[in-house]
């Protein structure tokens, strides 16, 4: 899409609405399994913006993280 970069392909997608404050919180439980420690994860968000571009979506920057126990 013009003006946007999708850094990730959608391996999993979740619809997360926005509250009255204009913010949104997402929590996910990570099990206490030592084998998960050190695993990497990547996130990127799209935002619905009607009329901004032909797809009506704007993408955030990408985020990389590492699970630590």
N, C-alpha and C. Protein backbone atom coordinates (compact mmCIF):
# COMPACT_ATOMS: atom_id res chain seq x y z
N UNK A 1 0.82 -1.18 0.00
CA UNK A 1 0.00 0.00 0.00
C UNK A 1 0.87 1.24 0.00
N UNK A 2 0.47 2.26 -0.67
CA UNK A 2 1.26 3.49 -0.70
C UNK A 2 1.43 4.08 0.70
N UNK A 3 2.67 4.44 1.03
CA UNK A 3 2.95 5.08 2.31
C UNK A 3 3.05 4.14 3.49
N UNK A 4 3.00 2.82 3.27
CA UNK A 4 3.03 1.86 4.37
C UNK A 4 4.03 0.75 4.07
N UNK A 5 4.59 0.18 5.12
CA UNK A 5 5.47 -0.97 4.97
C UNK A 5 4.98 -2.08 5.88
N UNK A 6 4.69 -3.24 5.32
CA UNK A 6 4.34 -4.42 6.11
C UNK A 6 5.62 -5.22 6.29
N UNK A 7 6.17 -5.19 7.50
CA UNK A 7 7.42 -5.88 7.78
C UNK A 7 7.21 -7.37 8.01
N UNK A 8 6.01 -7.77 8.41
CA UNK A 8 5.73 -9.16 8.77
C UNK A 8 4.58 -9.70 7.93
N UNK A 9 4.61 -11.00 7.69
CA UNK A 9 3.44 -11.63 7.10
C UNK A 9 2.54 -12.08 8.25
N UNK A 10 1.24 -12.04 8.10
CA UNK A 10 0.35 -12.35 9.23
C UNK A 10 0.31 -13.84 9.55
N UNK A 11 1.15 -14.28 10.48
CA UNK A 11 1.12 -15.67 10.95
C UNK A 11 -0.09 -15.87 11.86
N UNK A 12 -0.46 -14.84 12.59
CA UNK A 12 -1.66 -14.86 13.43
C UNK A 12 -2.22 -13.45 13.42
N UNK A 13 -3.53 -13.34 13.40
CA UNK A 13 -4.17 -12.03 13.38
C UNK A 13 -5.21 -11.96 14.49
N UNK A 14 -5.26 -10.82 15.16
CA UNK A 14 -6.22 -10.59 16.23
C UNK A 14 -6.87 -9.24 16.01
N UNK A 15 -8.17 -9.15 16.22
CA UNK A 15 -8.86 -7.88 16.16
C UNK A 15 -8.84 -7.30 17.56
N UNK A 16 -8.26 -6.13 17.70
CA UNK A 16 -8.16 -5.46 18.98
C UNK A 16 -8.79 -4.09 18.85
N UNK A 17 -9.91 -3.90 19.50
CA UNK A 17 -10.59 -2.61 19.44
C UNK A 17 -9.87 -1.56 20.27
N UNK A 18 -10.30 -0.34 20.14
CA UNK A 18 -9.72 0.78 20.88
C UNK A 18 -10.77 1.32 21.84
N UNK A 19 -10.36 1.59 23.07
CA UNK A 19 -11.28 2.10 24.08
C UNK A 19 -11.53 3.59 23.95
N UNK A 20 -12.26 4.13 24.90
CA UNK A 20 -12.62 5.56 24.89
C UNK A 20 -11.41 6.47 25.04
N UNK A 21 -10.32 5.97 25.60
CA UNK A 21 -9.13 6.79 25.80
C UNK A 21 -8.25 6.85 24.56
N UNK A 22 -8.57 6.08 23.54
CA UNK A 22 -7.76 6.05 22.32
C UNK A 22 -6.58 5.13 22.43
N UNK A 23 -6.54 4.32 23.48
CA UNK A 23 -5.45 3.36 23.66
C UNK A 23 -6.02 1.95 23.68
N UNK A 24 -5.11 0.98 23.63
CA UNK A 24 -5.53 -0.41 23.61
C UNK A 24 -4.46 -1.24 24.30
N UNK A 25 -4.86 -2.23 25.08
CA UNK A 25 -3.93 -3.12 25.78
C UNK A 25 -4.18 -4.55 25.33
N UNK A 26 -3.09 -5.27 25.13
CA UNK A 26 -3.19 -6.67 24.74
C UNK A 26 -2.30 -7.48 25.67
N UNK A 27 -2.87 -8.48 26.31
CA UNK A 27 -2.12 -9.34 27.22
C UNK A 27 -2.15 -10.76 26.70
N UNK A 28 -1.03 -11.45 26.86
CA UNK A 28 -0.95 -12.86 26.47
C UNK A 28 -0.18 -13.60 27.55
N UNK A 29 -0.69 -14.75 27.93
CA UNK A 29 -0.03 -15.55 28.96
C UNK A 29 1.09 -16.38 28.34
N UNK A 30 2.25 -16.30 28.94
CA UNK A 30 3.39 -17.10 28.50
C UNK A 30 3.64 -18.14 29.58
N UNK A 31 3.53 -19.41 29.26
CA UNK A 31 3.68 -20.44 30.30
C UNK A 31 5.10 -20.47 30.87
N UNK A 32 5.19 -20.89 32.13
CA UNK A 32 6.50 -21.02 32.78
C UNK A 32 7.13 -22.33 32.31
N UNK A 33 7.74 -22.26 31.15
CA UNK A 33 8.42 -23.40 30.54
C UNK A 33 9.83 -22.93 30.18
N UNK A 34 10.86 -23.47 30.83
CA UNK A 34 12.21 -23.00 30.56
C UNK A 34 12.60 -23.05 29.08
N UNK A 35 12.04 -23.97 28.31
CA UNK A 35 12.37 -24.08 26.89
C UNK A 35 11.90 -22.88 26.07
N UNK A 36 10.97 -22.08 26.60
CA UNK A 36 10.47 -20.91 25.90
C UNK A 36 11.40 -19.71 26.10
N UNK A 37 12.17 -19.73 27.16
CA UNK A 37 13.07 -18.62 27.46
C UNK A 37 14.06 -18.41 26.32
N UNK A 38 14.21 -17.17 25.91
CA UNK A 38 15.12 -16.85 24.82
C UNK A 38 14.49 -16.88 23.44
N UNK A 39 13.23 -17.30 23.34
CA UNK A 39 12.55 -17.31 22.04
C UNK A 39 12.22 -15.89 21.60
N UNK A 40 12.29 -15.65 20.33
CA UNK A 40 11.99 -14.33 19.77
C UNK A 40 10.55 -14.26 19.30
N UNK A 41 10.00 -13.05 19.35
CA UNK A 41 8.67 -12.81 18.77
C UNK A 41 8.68 -11.44 18.10
N UNK A 42 7.78 -11.26 17.16
CA UNK A 42 7.72 -10.04 16.37
C UNK A 42 6.28 -9.58 16.27
N UNK A 43 6.07 -8.27 16.34
CA UNK A 43 4.72 -7.71 16.30
C UNK A 43 4.68 -6.52 15.35
N UNK A 44 3.52 -6.34 14.75
CA UNK A 44 3.24 -5.14 13.96
C UNK A 44 1.74 -4.95 13.96
N UNK A 45 1.31 -3.73 13.96
CA UNK A 45 -0.11 -3.42 14.06
C UNK A 45 -0.58 -2.68 12.82
N UNK A 46 -1.76 -2.98 12.37
CA UNK A 46 -2.38 -2.18 11.31
C UNK A 46 -3.54 -1.40 11.93
N UNK A 47 -3.78 -0.22 11.40
CA UNK A 47 -4.84 0.64 11.90
C UNK A 47 -5.76 0.98 10.73
N UNK A 48 -7.04 0.86 10.95
CA UNK A 48 -8.06 1.14 9.95
C UNK A 48 -8.23 2.66 9.81
N UNK A 49 -7.90 3.19 8.63
CA UNK A 49 -8.02 4.63 8.37
C UNK A 49 -8.73 4.81 7.03
N UNK A 50 -10.06 4.95 7.05
CA UNK A 50 -10.80 5.09 5.80
C UNK A 50 -10.31 6.28 4.97
N UNK A 51 -10.07 6.00 3.69
CA UNK A 51 -9.70 7.04 2.75
C UNK A 51 -8.22 7.40 2.71
N UNK A 52 -7.40 6.85 3.61
CA UNK A 52 -5.98 7.21 3.62
C UNK A 52 -5.26 6.64 2.40
N UNK A 53 -5.59 5.40 2.05
CA UNK A 53 -5.01 4.74 0.88
C UNK A 53 -6.04 3.75 0.36
N UNK A 54 -5.79 3.08 -0.76
CA UNK A 54 -6.79 2.16 -1.32
C UNK A 54 -7.18 1.01 -0.39
N UNK A 55 -6.28 0.56 0.47
CA UNK A 55 -6.61 -0.53 1.39
C UNK A 55 -7.20 -0.08 2.71
N UNK A 56 -7.22 1.24 2.96
CA UNK A 56 -7.75 1.83 4.19
C UNK A 56 -7.01 1.34 5.43
N UNK A 57 -5.74 0.94 5.29
CA UNK A 57 -4.94 0.48 6.42
C UNK A 57 -3.63 1.23 6.48
N UNK A 58 -3.17 1.52 7.69
CA UNK A 58 -1.86 2.10 7.94
C UNK A 58 -1.15 1.15 8.90
N UNK A 59 0.14 0.89 8.66
CA UNK A 59 0.90 -0.05 9.48
C UNK A 59 1.86 0.68 10.41
N UNK A 60 2.03 0.15 11.62
CA UNK A 60 2.98 0.69 12.58
C UNK A 60 4.37 0.18 12.25
N UNK A 61 5.37 0.68 12.97
CA UNK A 61 6.70 0.10 12.88
C UNK A 61 6.67 -1.29 13.46
N UNK A 62 7.65 -2.11 13.15
CA UNK A 62 7.72 -3.46 13.67
C UNK A 62 8.38 -3.44 15.05
N UNK A 63 8.07 -4.47 15.85
CA UNK A 63 8.63 -4.62 17.18
C UNK A 63 9.21 -6.03 17.29
N UNK A 64 10.41 -6.14 17.82
CA UNK A 64 11.03 -7.45 18.08
C UNK A 64 11.22 -7.59 19.58
N UNK A 65 10.94 -8.76 20.11
CA UNK A 65 11.10 -9.01 21.54
C UNK A 65 11.64 -10.40 21.79
N UNK A 66 12.10 -10.61 23.02
CA UNK A 66 12.62 -11.91 23.44
C UNK A 66 11.95 -12.30 24.75
N UNK A 67 11.49 -13.53 24.84
CA UNK A 67 10.86 -14.03 26.05
C UNK A 67 11.91 -14.29 27.10
N UNK A 68 11.68 -13.80 28.29
CA UNK A 68 12.59 -14.05 29.41
C UNK A 68 11.79 -14.53 30.61
N UNK A 69 12.32 -15.49 31.33
CA UNK A 69 11.63 -16.01 32.52
C UNK A 69 12.30 -15.52 33.78
